């Protein structure tokens, strides 16, 4: 909750770069993700996909990967999306 707005702002800034085709977020140092983080990642994934921009997370802290797996989001957020090329 404390850093979700900062991450969202950074991701949205990357998405706004003219000609961007992919955004990859490094969450290796992020050891906790709650529902607000999951919500933000889900919204950003949808927005990026709608813009034709690939988005995924790499690398991911194992604890965050587990949360993504439980939420059913791991597959779409941990590998290049089909819009990537």
C-alpha atoms as a PDB file:
ATOM      1  CA  UNK A   1       0.000   0.000   0.000  1.00  0.00           C
ATOM      2  CA  UNK A   2       2.825   2.375   0.778  1.00  0.00           C
ATOM      3  CA  UNK A   3       4.496   2.171  -2.624  1.00  0.00           C
ATOM      4  CA  UNK A   4       1.689   1.227  -5.008  1.00  0.00           C
ATOM      5  CA  UNK A   5       1.191   4.819  -6.171  1.00  0.00           C
ATOM      6  CA  UNK A   6       4.917   5.223  -6.826  1.00  0.00           C
ATOM      7  CA  UNK A   7       5.017   2.025  -8.891  1.00  0.00           C
ATOM      8  CA  UNK A   8       1.853   2.998 -10.768  1.00  0.00           C
ATOM      9  CA  UNK A   9       3.307   6.417 -11.575  1.00  0.00           C
ATOM     10  CA  UNK A  10       6.551   4.879 -12.851  1.00  0.00           C
ATOM     11  CA  UNK A  11       4.766   2.319 -14.983  1.00  0.00           C
ATOM     12  CA  UNK A  12       2.416   4.919 -16.448  1.00  0.00           C
ATOM     13  CA  UNK A  13       5.377   7.186 -17.251  1.00  0.00           C
ATOM     14  CA  UNK A  14       7.003   4.291 -19.116  1.00  0.00           C
ATOM     15  CA  UNK A  15       3.766   3.587 -20.998  1.00  0.00           C
ATOM     16  CA  UNK A  16       3.581   7.233 -22.076  1.00  0.00           C
ATOM     17  CA  UNK A  17       6.963   7.157 -23.834  1.00  0.00           C
ATOM     18  CA  UNK A  18       6.351   7.535 -27.582  1.00  0.00           C
ATOM     19  CA  UNK A  19       7.052   4.316 -29.474  1.00  0.00           C
ATOM     20  CA  UNK A  20       7.270   2.106 -26.392  1.00  0.00           C
ATOM     21  CA  UNK A  21       6.499  -1.527 -27.209  1.00  0.00           C
ATOM     22  CA  UNK A  22       7.123  -3.184 -23.851  1.00  0.00           C
ATOM     23  CA  UNK A  23       7.349  -2.357 -20.169  1.00  0.00           C
ATOM     24  CA  UNK A  24       9.160  -4.743 -17.815  1.00  0.00           C
ATOM     25  CA  UNK A  25       9.023  -4.108 -14.069  1.00  0.00           C
ATOM     26  CA  UNK A  26      11.772  -5.416 -11.782  1.00  0.00           C
ATOM     27  CA  UNK A  27      10.139  -6.591  -8.543  1.00  0.00           C
ATOM     28  CA  UNK A  28      13.099  -8.567  -7.214  1.00  0.00           C
ATOM     29  CA  UNK A  29      13.376  -6.361  -4.111  1.00  0.00           C
ATOM     30  CA  UNK A  30       9.616  -6.249  -3.499  1.00  0.00           C
ATOM     31  CA  UNK A  31       8.845  -8.930  -0.921  1.00  0.00           C
ATOM     32  CA  UNK A  32       5.181  -8.101  -0.263  1.00  0.00           C
ATOM     33  CA  UNK A  33       2.179  -7.404  -2.471  1.00  0.00           C
ATOM     34  CA  UNK A  34      -1.338  -6.850  -1.158  1.00  0.00           C
ATOM     35  CA  UNK A  35      -4.671  -6.431  -2.925  1.00  0.00           C
ATOM     36  CA  UNK A  36      -3.956  -2.795  -3.794  1.00  0.00           C
ATOM     37  CA  UNK A  37      -0.778  -3.874  -5.586  1.00  0.00           C
ATOM     38  CA  UNK A  38      -2.588  -6.684  -7.384  1.00  0.00           C
ATOM     39  CA  UNK A  39      -5.329  -4.275  -8.447  1.00  0.00           C
ATOM     40  CA  UNK A  40      -2.825  -1.767  -9.785  1.00  0.00           C
ATOM     41  CA  UNK A  41      -0.885  -4.434 -11.698  1.00  0.00           C
ATOM     42  CA  UNK A  42      -4.096  -5.824 -13.171  1.00  0.00           C
ATOM     43  CA  UNK A  43      -5.288  -2.367 -14.290  1.00  0.00           C
ATOM     44  CA  UNK A  44      -1.900  -1.506 -15.748  1.00  0.00           C
ATOM     45  CA  UNK A  45      -1.706  -4.830 -17.605  1.00  0.00           C
ATOM     46  CA  UNK A  46      -5.135  -4.148 -19.135  1.00  0.00           C
ATOM     47  CA  UNK A  47      -4.189  -0.591 -20.103  1.00  0.00           C
ATOM     48  CA  UNK A  48      -0.842  -1.636 -21.590  1.00  0.00           C
ATOM     49  CA  UNK A  49      -2.453  -4.465 -23.546  1.00  0.00           C
ATOM     50  CA  UNK A  50      -5.119  -2.090 -24.872  1.00  0.00           C
ATOM     51  CA  UNK A  51      -2.293   0.168 -26.115  1.00  0.00           C
ATOM     52  CA  UNK A  52      -0.547  -2.781 -27.783  1.00  0.00           C
ATOM     53  CA  UNK A  53       2.303  -2.663 -25.264  1.00  0.00           C
ATOM     54  CA  UNK A  54       3.650  -5.864 -23.718  1.00  0.00           C
ATOM     55  CA  UNK A  55       3.954  -5.837 -19.923  1.00  0.00           C
ATOM     56  CA  UNK A  56       5.453  -8.310 -17.525  1.00  0.00           C
ATOM     57  CA  UNK A  57       7.382  -8.572 -14.286  1.00  0.00           C
ATOM     58  CA  UNK A  58      10.966  -9.824 -14.275  1.00  0.00           C
ATOM     59  CA  UNK A  59      12.550 -10.667 -11.939  1.00  0.00           C
ATOM     60  CA  UNK A  60      10.006 -11.251  -9.169  1.00  0.00           C
ATOM     61  CA  UNK A  61      10.605 -11.925  -5.489  1.00  0.00           C
ATOM     62  CA  UNK A  62       9.417 -15.489  -4.669  1.00  0.00           C
ATOM     63  CA  UNK A  63       6.884 -14.215  -2.101  1.00  0.00           C
ATOM     64  CA  UNK A  64       5.301 -11.904  -4.672  1.00  0.00           C
ATOM     65  CA  UNK A  65       5.320 -14.655  -7.294  1.00  0.00           C
ATOM     66  CA  UNK A  66       3.365 -16.851  -4.874  1.00  0.00           C
ATOM     67  CA  UNK A  67       0.744 -14.112  -4.338  1.00  0.00           C
ATOM     68  CA  UNK A  68       0.422 -13.740  -8.115  1.00  0.00           C
ATOM     69  CA  UNK A  69      -0.016 -17.506  -8.450  1.00  0.00           C
ATOM     70  CA  UNK A  70      -2.746 -17.581  -5.795  1.00  0.00           C
ATOM     71  CA  UNK A  71      -4.512 -14.652  -7.483  1.00  0.00           C
ATOM     72  CA  UNK A  72      -4.317 -16.384 -10.875  1.00  0.00           C
ATOM     73  CA  UNK A  73      -2.203 -13.577 -12.336  1.00  0.00           C
ATOM     74  CA  UNK A  74       1.214 -15.225 -12.538  1.00  0.00           C
ATOM     75  CA  UNK A  75       0.984 -16.557 -16.058  1.00  0.00           C
ATOM     76  CA  UNK A  76      -0.029 -13.257 -17.662  1.00  0.00           C
ATOM     77  CA  UNK A  77       2.406 -11.133 -15.655  1.00  0.00           C
ATOM     78  CA  UNK A  78       5.516 -13.312 -15.707  1.00  0.00           C
ATOM     79  CA  UNK A  79       6.003 -13.972 -19.385  1.00  0.00           C
ATOM     80  CA  UNK A  80       5.888 -11.780 -22.460  1.00  0.00           C
ATOM     81  CA  UNK A  81       2.314 -11.115 -23.519  1.00  0.00           C
ATOM     82  CA  UNK A  82       1.097 -11.942 -27.007  1.00  0.00           C
ATOM     83  CA  UNK A  83       1.077  -8.232 -27.888  1.00  0.00           C
ATOM     84  CA  UNK A  84       4.901  -8.185 -27.703  1.00  0.00           C
ATOM     85  CA  UNK A  85       5.749  -8.261 -31.328  1.00  0.00           C
END
